[in-house]
Amino acid sequence: MRNDMIIVTDYCDKCHIEPSFIDLLESWDLIGTQMADGERCLPFSQLPDVERYSRMYYDLDINIEGIDAIHHLLEQMREMQCEIDNLRSRLRFFGEDF
């Protein structure tokens, strides 16, 4: 195992989630696993997303379609925030302070 990844089955055991949930997230392109040393692994960078999706699915009882919709809304919000930040930077260039 590499230092920037965790084996899927180990992660699932530690977090008390089903490996099939990881498969479900991957089939909806919400996360991506990688093979390392013959084991299916999750990059550490994706763990916050997996934890968020896990809470939605197991604790809040949101189905995968709802999780996918929330994911896309969050992506749109991030894009809009970047656009706002870009506009603010451009306005500051013209001397306005926002």
Protein backbone atom coordinates (compact mmCIF):
# COMPACT_ATOMS: atom_id res chain seq x y z
CA MET A 1 0.00 0.00 0.00
CA ARG A 2 1.20 3.49 -0.84
CA ASN A 3 1.29 6.30 1.70
CA ASP A 4 -1.42 8.30 -0.06
CA MET A 5 -4.00 5.48 -0.27
CA ILE A 6 -5.93 3.10 1.95
CA ILE A 7 -7.20 -0.36 1.05
CA VAL A 8 -10.96 -0.27 0.49
CA THR A 9 -11.72 -3.29 2.70
CA ASP A 10 -9.61 -1.86 5.55
CA TYR A 11 -11.35 1.49 5.27
CA CYS A 12 -14.79 -0.15 5.22
CA ASP A 13 -13.97 -2.25 8.29
CA LYS A 14 -12.74 0.78 10.23
CA CYS A 15 -15.71 2.96 9.25
CA HIS A 16 -18.37 0.23 9.47
CA ILE A 17 -19.62 0.62 5.92
CA GLU A 18 -20.22 -2.01 3.28
CA PRO A 19 -17.69 -2.38 0.46
CA SER A 20 -20.70 -2.46 -1.87
CA PHE A 21 -21.32 1.18 -0.88
CA ILE A 22 -17.89 2.07 -2.29
CA ASP A 23 -18.85 0.17 -5.46
CA LEU A 24 -22.10 2.15 -5.64
CA LEU A 25 -20.29 5.48 -5.30
CA GLU A 26 -17.81 4.44 -7.94
CA SER A 27 -20.52 3.29 -10.35
CA TRP A 28 -22.07 6.78 -10.11
CA ASP A 29 -18.64 8.38 -10.73
CA LEU A 30 -18.72 10.08 -7.33
CA ILE A 31 -15.35 8.57 -6.37
CA GLY A 32 -12.64 6.53 -8.03
CA THR A 33 -10.62 3.68 -6.63
CA GLN A 34 -7.19 2.61 -7.80
CA MET A 35 -5.28 -0.64 -7.77
CA ALA A 36 -2.09 -0.71 -5.72
CA ASP A 37 -0.13 -3.83 -4.86
CA GLY A 38 -3.03 -5.98 -6.07
CA GLU A 39 -5.51 -4.28 -3.72
CA ARG A 40 -8.31 -1.87 -4.52
CA CYS A 41 -7.52 1.39 -2.74
CA LEU A 42 -9.02 4.79 -2.06
CA PRO A 43 -6.82 7.87 -2.34
CA PHE A 44 -6.74 9.81 0.93
CA SER A 45 -7.87 12.88 -1.01
CA GLN A 46 -11.26 11.20 -1.58
CA LEU A 47 -11.89 10.19 2.03
CA PRO A 48 -13.72 13.42 2.99
CA ASP A 49 -16.12 12.84 0.09
CA VAL A 50 -16.66 9.20 1.03
CA GLU A 51 -17.33 10.20 4.64
CA ARG A 52 -19.81 12.88 3.56
CA TYR A 53 -21.60 10.47 1.20
CA SER A 54 -21.61 7.80 3.90
CA ARG A 55 -23.29 10.14 6.39
CA MET A 56 -25.89 11.08 3.78
CA TYR A 57 -26.58 7.46 2.90
CA TYR A 58 -26.46 5.75 6.28
CA ASP A 59 -27.36 8.50 8.76
CA LEU A 60 -29.71 10.69 6.73
CA ASP A 61 -31.17 7.88 4.58
CA ILE A 62 -30.56 9.74 1.30
CA ASN A 63 -30.52 7.42 -1.71
CA ILE A 64 -27.74 7.45 -4.30
CA GLU A 65 -29.77 9.60 -6.69
CA GLY A 66 -30.12 12.23 -3.97
CA ILE A 67 -26.41 12.04 -3.16
CA ASP A 68 -25.59 12.51 -6.84
CA ALA A 69 -27.90 15.53 -7.06
CA ILE A 70 -26.33 17.06 -3.93
CA HIS A 71 -22.86 16.40 -5.36
CA HIS A 72 -23.72 18.25 -8.57
CA LEU A 73 -25.27 21.16 -6.66
CA LEU A 74 -22.14 21.48 -4.52
CA GLU A 75 -19.99 21.46 -7.66
CA GLN A 76 -22.11 24.22 -9.16
CA MET A 77 -21.81 26.25 -5.97
CA ARG A 78 -18.01 25.89 -6.04
CA GLU A 79 -17.92 27.01 -9.66
CA MET A 80 -20.13 30.01 -8.89
CA GLN A 81 -17.94 30.93 -5.91
CA CYS A 82 -14.89 30.86 -8.18
CA GLU A 83 -16.68 33.12 -10.65
CA ILE A 84 -17.62 35.54 -7.85
CA ASP A 85 -14.04 35.58 -6.58
CA ASN A 86 -12.79 36.22 -10.11
CA LEU A 87 -15.25 39.09 -10.58
CA ARG A 88 -14.22 40.61 -7.24
CA SER A 89 -10.57 40.45 -8.27
CA ARG A 90 -11.35 42.13 -11.56
CA LEU A 91 -13.40 44.85 -9.84
CA ARG A 92 -10.56 45.55 -7.39
CA PHE A 93 -8.33 46.03 -10.40
CA PHE A 94 -10.56 48.94 -11.40
CA GLY A 95 -10.32 50.48 -7.94
CA GLU A 96 -13.56 49.30 -6.38
CA ASP A 97 -13.28 47.70 -2.95
CA PHE A 98 -15.75 44.82 -2.46
